[in-house]
N, C-alpha and C. Protein backbone atom coordinates (compact mmCIF):
# COMPACT_ATOMS: atom_id res chain seq x y z
N MET A 1 90.51 127.09 71.27
CA MET A 1 89.74 126.35 72.25
C MET A 1 88.36 126.96 72.41
N ASN A 2 87.40 126.09 72.56
CA ASN A 2 86.07 126.61 72.81
C ASN A 2 85.84 126.73 74.32
N MET A 3 84.70 127.25 74.68
CA MET A 3 84.40 127.50 76.09
C MET A 3 84.38 126.21 76.90
N ASP A 4 83.84 125.13 76.36
CA ASP A 4 83.80 123.86 77.08
C ASP A 4 85.20 123.36 77.39
N SER A 5 86.10 123.55 76.48
CA SER A 5 87.49 123.12 76.67
C SER A 5 88.13 123.89 77.82
N ASN A 6 87.88 125.18 77.87
CA ASN A 6 88.42 126.00 78.95
C ASN A 6 87.83 125.60 80.28
N ASP A 7 86.54 125.32 80.30
CA ASP A 7 85.90 124.88 81.54
C ASP A 7 86.49 123.57 82.01
N THR A 8 86.71 122.64 81.09
CA THR A 8 87.28 121.33 81.43
C THR A 8 88.68 121.49 81.99
N LEU A 9 89.50 122.32 81.37
CA LEU A 9 90.86 122.55 81.86
C LEU A 9 90.84 123.19 83.25
N SER A 10 89.96 124.12 83.45
CA SER A 10 89.84 124.79 84.74
C SER A 10 89.38 123.80 85.82
N GLU A 11 88.40 122.99 85.47
CA GLU A 11 87.91 121.98 86.43
C GLU A 11 88.99 120.97 86.75
N ARG A 12 89.72 120.54 85.74
CA ARG A 12 90.80 119.57 85.96
C ARG A 12 91.89 120.16 86.86
N ALA A 13 92.25 121.41 86.64
CA ALA A 13 93.26 122.08 87.47
C ALA A 13 92.77 122.18 88.91
N GLU A 14 91.50 122.49 89.08
CA GLU A 14 90.93 122.59 90.43
C GLU A 14 90.93 121.22 91.11
N LEU A 15 90.59 120.17 90.38
CA LEU A 15 90.61 118.83 90.96
C LEU A 15 92.01 118.41 91.38
N HIS A 16 93.00 118.72 90.55
CA HIS A 16 94.38 118.39 90.89
C HIS A 16 94.82 119.15 92.15
N PHE A 17 94.42 120.42 92.24
CA PHE A 17 94.75 121.22 93.41
C PHE A 17 94.11 120.61 94.66
N LEU A 18 92.83 120.27 94.57
CA LEU A 18 92.14 119.69 95.71
C LEU A 18 92.72 118.34 96.11
N ALA A 19 93.09 117.53 95.13
CA ALA A 19 93.71 116.23 95.42
C ALA A 19 95.04 116.42 96.14
N ALA A 20 95.83 117.37 95.69
CA ALA A 20 97.12 117.64 96.35
C ALA A 20 96.90 118.18 97.75
N LEU A 21 95.91 119.01 97.93
CA LEU A 21 95.58 119.56 99.24
C LEU A 21 95.17 118.45 100.21
N VAL A 22 94.31 117.56 99.77
CA VAL A 22 93.87 116.44 100.61
C VAL A 22 95.05 115.53 100.93
N ASP A 23 95.91 115.28 99.95
CA ASP A 23 97.08 114.44 100.17
C ASP A 23 97.97 115.04 101.26
N GLU A 24 98.22 116.34 101.19
CA GLU A 24 99.04 117.00 102.20
C GLU A 24 98.37 116.96 103.57
N LEU A 25 97.07 117.18 103.61
CA LEU A 25 96.35 117.12 104.87
C LEU A 25 96.44 115.74 105.50
N MET A 26 96.24 114.70 104.69
CA MET A 26 96.32 113.34 105.20
C MET A 26 97.73 113.03 105.70
N ARG A 27 98.73 113.50 104.98
CA ARG A 27 100.12 113.29 105.38
C ARG A 27 100.41 113.96 106.72
N LYS A 28 99.91 115.20 106.89
CA LYS A 28 100.12 115.93 108.15
C LYS A 28 99.38 115.24 109.30
N LEU A 29 98.19 114.72 109.05
CA LEU A 29 97.45 114.00 110.09
C LEU A 29 98.19 112.74 110.51
N LEU A 30 98.84 112.08 109.57
CA LEU A 30 99.63 110.90 109.89
C LEU A 30 100.85 111.28 110.72
N ILE A 31 101.57 112.29 110.30
CA ILE A 31 102.79 112.72 110.99
C ILE A 31 102.46 113.21 112.41
N ALA A 32 101.33 113.91 112.55
CA ALA A 32 100.93 114.45 113.85
C ALA A 32 100.36 113.37 114.77
N GLY A 33 100.11 112.20 114.23
CA GLY A 33 99.57 111.12 115.04
C GLY A 33 98.07 111.20 115.27
N VAL A 34 97.41 112.05 114.51
CA VAL A 34 95.95 112.19 114.63
C VAL A 34 95.25 110.97 114.05
N LEU A 35 95.75 110.49 112.92
CA LEU A 35 95.22 109.28 112.29
C LEU A 35 96.37 108.29 112.10
N SER A 36 96.05 107.03 112.22
CA SER A 36 97.06 105.99 112.00
C SER A 36 97.13 105.64 110.51
N GLN A 37 98.16 104.93 110.16
CA GLN A 37 98.32 104.48 108.77
C GLN A 37 97.14 103.59 108.38
N ALA A 38 96.69 102.74 109.30
CA ALA A 38 95.54 101.88 109.03
C ALA A 38 94.28 102.70 108.78
N GLN A 39 94.08 103.77 109.55
CA GLN A 39 92.91 104.63 109.35
C GLN A 39 92.97 105.33 108.00
N LEU A 40 94.16 105.80 107.63
CA LEU A 40 94.30 106.45 106.32
C LEU A 40 94.04 105.46 105.20
N ASN A 41 94.48 104.23 105.37
CA ASN A 41 94.20 103.21 104.35
C ASN A 41 92.70 102.92 104.27
N GLU A 42 92.00 102.94 105.39
CA GLU A 42 90.54 102.75 105.39
C GLU A 42 89.86 103.90 104.63
N ILE A 43 90.30 105.11 104.87
CA ILE A 43 89.74 106.27 104.18
C ILE A 43 89.99 106.15 102.68
N GLU A 44 91.22 105.82 102.33
CA GLU A 44 91.59 105.66 100.92
C GLU A 44 90.74 104.58 100.25
N GLN A 45 90.52 103.49 100.95
CA GLN A 45 89.71 102.38 100.41
C GLN A 45 88.27 102.82 100.17
N ALA A 46 87.70 103.52 101.15
CA ALA A 46 86.32 103.99 101.02
C ALA A 46 86.17 104.96 99.86
N VAL A 47 87.10 105.88 99.73
CA VAL A 47 87.04 106.87 98.65
C VAL A 47 87.22 106.18 97.29
N SER A 48 88.16 105.26 97.22
CA SER A 48 88.41 104.59 95.94
C SER A 48 87.20 103.79 95.48
N GLN A 49 86.46 103.22 96.43
CA GLN A 49 85.25 102.50 96.06
C GLN A 49 84.18 103.45 95.54
N ARG A 50 84.11 104.64 96.11
CA ARG A 50 83.12 105.62 95.66
C ARG A 50 83.41 106.13 94.26
N VAL A 51 84.69 106.35 93.97
CA VAL A 51 85.04 106.95 92.68
C VAL A 51 85.49 105.93 91.65
N GLY A 52 85.66 104.68 92.05
CA GLY A 52 86.00 103.63 91.11
C GLY A 52 87.46 103.58 90.69
N HIS A 53 88.34 103.94 91.61
CA HIS A 53 89.78 103.89 91.32
C HIS A 53 90.46 102.93 92.29
N VAL A 54 91.67 102.54 91.96
CA VAL A 54 92.47 101.68 92.82
C VAL A 54 93.00 102.53 93.98
N PRO A 55 92.84 102.06 95.23
CA PRO A 55 93.33 102.85 96.36
C PRO A 55 94.85 102.87 96.42
N ARG A 56 95.36 103.96 96.94
CA ARG A 56 96.81 104.07 97.19
C ARG A 56 97.07 103.55 98.60
N ALA A 57 98.26 103.07 98.84
CA ALA A 57 98.63 102.60 100.17
C ALA A 57 99.31 103.73 100.92
N TRP A 58 98.95 103.89 102.18
CA TRP A 58 99.61 104.86 103.05
C TRP A 58 100.60 104.11 103.84
């Protein structure tokens, strides 16, 4: 592997970690009643539009 490949793998691992972290945070906010399911869906929709992916349903 060249250096670019290692950087890409490292960045991908970091992105997966951050995505899992955000997912857990959103789940805890829902369970704690801080945010409603509708609010989480709004957040998911806004983010998906920014990054160009299909939103997940909460």
